[in-house]
Amino acid sequence: MGNPKRTKNIIITICMFLIAVSLSAAIYYFTYTYFGKKVAYFVISTIATILIYFSSGILKKQNEKKQSLFDKDKIL
């Protein structure tokens, strides 16, 4: 078998993606039903933009941590 930690991370990522899709569908349906199409598009696009912004920041921090670990290995 493969690396169990990596497999676990892939499963968690897929589950989080499915949760995000179902939540966004529920939010879209609610806003479309009560406020109309334009408001629903605006709300979903705003949420997606915020999530992309935060996820890119998290990835940037993780890459910086990895880079600092590589620098420590070079020093040793």
N, C-alpha and C. Protein backbone atom coordinates (compact mmCIF):
# COMPACT_ATOMS: atom_id res chain seq x y z
N MET A 1 0.84 -1.19 0.00
CA MET A 1 0.00 0.00 0.00
C MET A 1 0.88 1.25 0.00
N GLY A 2 0.23 2.38 -0.18
CA GLY A 2 0.95 3.65 -0.21
C GLY A 2 1.18 4.19 1.19
N ASN A 3 1.55 5.41 1.23
CA ASN A 3 1.80 6.10 2.49
C ASN A 3 0.45 6.35 3.19
N PRO A 4 0.23 5.78 4.38
CA PRO A 4 -1.09 5.93 5.03
C PRO A 4 -1.41 7.38 5.41
N LYS A 5 -0.37 8.16 5.76
CA LYS A 5 -0.62 9.56 6.14
C LYS A 5 -1.09 10.36 4.91
N ARG A 6 -0.48 10.08 3.77
CA ARG A 6 -0.87 10.77 2.54
C ARG A 6 -2.29 10.36 2.13
N THR A 7 -2.59 9.07 2.25
CA THR A 7 -3.93 8.58 1.92
C THR A 7 -4.97 9.25 2.82
N LYS A 8 -4.66 9.38 4.11
CA LYS A 8 -5.56 10.04 5.05
C LYS A 8 -5.77 11.50 4.66
N ASN A 9 -4.71 12.18 4.27
CA ASN A 9 -4.82 13.58 3.87
C ASN A 9 -5.65 13.74 2.60
N ILE A 10 -5.51 12.80 1.67
CA ILE A 10 -6.31 12.86 0.43
C ILE A 10 -7.78 12.65 0.75
N ILE A 11 -8.09 11.70 1.63
CA ILE A 11 -9.48 11.44 2.01
C ILE A 11 -10.08 12.66 2.71
N ILE A 12 -9.31 13.28 3.62
CA ILE A 12 -9.79 14.47 4.31
C ILE A 12 -10.03 15.60 3.32
N THR A 13 -9.14 15.76 2.36
CA THR A 13 -9.30 16.81 1.35
C THR A 13 -10.55 16.59 0.52
N ILE A 14 -10.80 15.37 0.10
CA ILE A 14 -12.00 15.06 -0.69
C ILE A 14 -13.26 15.32 0.13
N CYS A 15 -13.26 14.92 1.40
CA CYS A 15 -14.42 15.16 2.26
C CYS A 15 -14.67 16.65 2.46
N MET A 16 -13.61 17.41 2.67
CA MET A 16 -13.77 18.86 2.83
C MET A 16 -14.28 19.51 1.56
N PHE A 17 -13.83 19.01 0.40
CA PHE A 17 -14.32 19.53 -0.87
C PHE A 17 -15.81 19.25 -1.03
N LEU A 18 -16.23 18.03 -0.69
CA LEU A 18 -17.65 17.69 -0.80
C LEU A 18 -18.51 18.51 0.16
N ILE A 19 -18.00 18.74 1.36
CA ILE A 19 -18.73 19.58 2.32
C ILE A 19 -18.85 21.00 1.79
N ALA A 20 -17.76 21.52 1.24
CA ALA A 20 -17.78 22.89 0.70
C ALA A 20 -18.76 23.01 -0.45
N VAL A 21 -18.80 22.02 -1.34
CA VAL A 21 -19.72 22.05 -2.46
C VAL A 21 -21.16 21.99 -1.99
N SER A 22 -21.44 21.11 -1.03
CA SER A 22 -22.82 21.00 -0.55
C SER A 22 -23.26 22.26 0.20
N LEU A 23 -22.36 22.86 0.98
CA LEU A 23 -22.70 24.10 1.67
C LEU A 23 -22.94 25.24 0.68
N SER A 24 -22.10 25.32 -0.34
CA SER A 24 -22.29 26.39 -1.31
C SER A 24 -23.58 26.18 -2.10
N ALA A 25 -23.94 24.93 -2.38
CA ALA A 25 -25.20 24.67 -3.06
C ALA A 25 -26.39 25.06 -2.18
N ALA A 26 -26.29 24.77 -0.89
CA ALA A 26 -27.36 25.14 0.03
C ALA A 26 -27.49 26.66 0.14
N ILE A 27 -26.37 27.35 0.24
CA ILE A 27 -26.40 28.81 0.32
C ILE A 27 -26.97 29.40 -0.97
N TYR A 28 -26.55 28.85 -2.11
CA TYR A 28 -27.05 29.34 -3.39
C TYR A 28 -28.57 29.14 -3.48
N TYR A 29 -29.03 27.94 -3.09
CA TYR A 29 -30.46 27.65 -3.17
C TYR A 29 -31.26 28.60 -2.27
N PHE A 30 -30.76 28.83 -1.05
CA PHE A 30 -31.45 29.71 -0.11
C PHE A 30 -31.52 31.14 -0.66
N THR A 31 -30.38 31.66 -1.10
CA THR A 31 -30.37 33.05 -1.58
C THR A 31 -31.15 33.18 -2.89
N TYR A 32 -31.10 32.16 -3.74
CA TYR A 32 -31.85 32.21 -5.01
C TYR A 32 -33.35 32.20 -4.72
N THR A 33 -33.77 31.38 -3.74
CA THR A 33 -35.19 31.27 -3.42
C THR A 33 -35.74 32.57 -2.83
N TYR A 34 -34.99 33.18 -1.92
CA TYR A 34 -35.52 34.33 -1.20
C TYR A 34 -35.12 35.69 -1.78
N PHE A 35 -33.98 35.76 -2.48
CA PHE A 35 -33.51 37.06 -2.94
C PHE A 35 -33.33 37.18 -4.45
N GLY A 36 -33.33 36.07 -5.17
CA GLY A 36 -33.22 36.13 -6.62
C GLY A 36 -31.85 35.71 -7.14
N LYS A 37 -31.78 35.65 -8.46
CA LYS A 37 -30.61 35.11 -9.14
C LYS A 37 -29.37 35.99 -8.96
N LYS A 38 -29.51 37.30 -9.12
CA LYS A 38 -28.35 38.18 -9.05
C LYS A 38 -27.71 38.18 -7.66
N VAL A 39 -28.53 38.20 -6.65
CA VAL A 39 -28.00 38.18 -5.28
C VAL A 39 -27.31 36.85 -5.00
N ALA A 40 -27.90 35.75 -5.48
CA ALA A 40 -27.30 34.43 -5.26
C ALA A 40 -25.93 34.35 -5.93
N TYR A 41 -25.81 34.83 -7.16
CA TYR A 41 -24.51 34.83 -7.84
C TYR A 41 -23.50 35.68 -7.08
N PHE A 42 -23.94 36.84 -6.61
CA PHE A 42 -23.03 37.73 -5.87
C PHE A 42 -22.54 37.07 -4.58
N VAL A 43 -23.46 36.44 -3.84
CA VAL A 43 -23.09 35.82 -2.56
C VAL A 43 -22.11 34.67 -2.79
N ILE A 44 -22.40 33.81 -3.77
CA ILE A 44 -21.53 32.66 -4.03
C ILE A 44 -20.16 33.12 -4.52
N SER A 45 -20.13 34.11 -5.41
CA SER A 45 -18.83 34.58 -5.91
C SER A 45 -18.03 35.25 -4.80
N THR A 46 -18.69 35.95 -3.90
CA THR A 46 -17.99 36.58 -2.77
C THR A 46 -17.40 35.52 -1.85
N ILE A 47 -18.17 34.51 -1.53
CA ILE A 47 -17.68 33.44 -0.65
C ILE A 47 -16.51 32.72 -1.31
N ALA A 48 -16.62 32.44 -2.60
CA ALA A 48 -15.53 31.75 -3.31
C ALA A 48 -14.26 32.60 -3.32
N THR A 49 -14.41 33.90 -3.54
CA THR A 49 -13.25 34.78 -3.55
C THR A 49 -12.56 34.81 -2.19
N ILE A 50 -13.35 34.89 -1.12
CA ILE A 50 -12.77 34.91 0.23
C ILE A 50 -12.05 33.59 0.52
N LEU A 51 -12.67 32.47 0.15
CA LEU A 51 -12.03 31.17 0.39
C LEU A 51 -10.74 31.02 -0.39
N ILE A 52 -10.73 31.46 -1.64
CA ILE A 52 -9.50 31.38 -2.45
C ILE A 52 -8.42 32.26 -1.84
N TYR A 53 -8.80 33.44 -1.37
CA TYR A 53 -7.82 34.35 -0.76
C TYR A 53 -7.19 33.72 0.48
N PHE A 54 -8.02 33.17 1.37
CA PHE A 54 -7.49 32.57 2.58
C PHE A 54 -6.69 31.31 2.30
N SER A 55 -7.16 30.47 1.36
CA SER A 55 -6.42 29.24 1.07
C SER A 55 -5.07 29.55 0.44
N SER A 56 -5.00 30.58 -0.40
CA SER A 56 -3.70 30.93 -0.98
C SER A 56 -2.76 31.44 0.10
N GLY A 57 -3.27 32.16 1.09
CA GLY A 57 -2.44 32.62 2.20
C GLY A 57 -1.93 31.47 3.04
N ILE A 58 -2.79 30.48 3.27
CA ILE A 58 -2.39 29.30 4.05
C ILE A 58 -1.32 28.52 3.30
N LEU A 59 -1.50 28.34 1.98
CA LEU A 59 -0.50 27.63 1.19
C LEU A 59 0.83 28.37 1.18
N LYS A 60 0.77 29.70 1.11
CA LYS A 60 1.99 30.49 1.12
C LYS A 60 2.74 30.30 2.43
N LYS A 61 2.01 30.28 3.56
CA LYS A 61 2.65 30.07 4.86
C LYS A 61 3.27 28.69 4.95
N GLN A 62 2.58 27.67 4.42
CA GLN A 62 3.12 26.32 4.45
C GLN A 62 4.39 26.23 3.63
N ASN A 63 4.42 26.89 2.47
CA ASN A 63 5.62 26.86 1.64
C ASN A 63 6.77 27.58 2.32
N GLU A 64 6.47 28.66 3.05
CA GLU A 64 7.52 29.37 3.77
C GLU A 64 8.10 28.48 4.88
N LYS A 65 7.23 27.72 5.56
CA LYS A 65 7.72 26.82 6.61
C LYS A 65 8.60 25.73 6.00
N LYS A 66 8.19 25.17 4.87
CA LYS A 66 8.99 24.15 4.22
C LYS A 66 10.33 24.73 3.79
N GLN A 67 10.33 25.95 3.26
CA GLN A 67 11.57 26.58 2.83
C GLN A 67 12.50 26.80 4.01
N SER A 68 11.96 27.21 5.15
CA SER A 68 12.80 27.42 6.33
C SER A 68 13.38 26.09 6.82
N LEU A 69 12.62 25.01 6.69
CA LEU A 69 13.15 23.70 7.07
C LEU A 69 14.30 23.30 6.16
N PHE A 70 14.16 23.58 4.86
CA PHE A 70 15.24 23.26 3.93
C PHE A 70 16.48 24.09 4.25
N ASP A 71 16.29 25.34 4.62
CA ASP A 71 17.43 26.19 4.97
C ASP A 71 18.15 25.65 6.20
N LYS A 72 17.41 25.15 7.19
CA LYS A 72 18.03 24.58 8.39
C LYS A 72 18.83 23.33 8.03
N ASP A 73 18.32 22.53 7.09
CA ASP A 73 19.05 21.33 6.68
C ASP A 73 20.36 21.71 6.00
N LYS A 74 20.36 22.78 5.24
CA LYS A 74 21.58 23.21 4.56
C LYS A 74 22.62 23.69 5.56
N ILE A 75 22.15 24.35 6.62
CA ILE A 75 23.08 24.84 7.64
C ILE A 75 23.75 23.68 8.36
N LEU A 76 22.96 22.65 8.66
CA LEU A 76 23.52 21.50 9.36
C LEU A 76 24.44 20.75 8.44
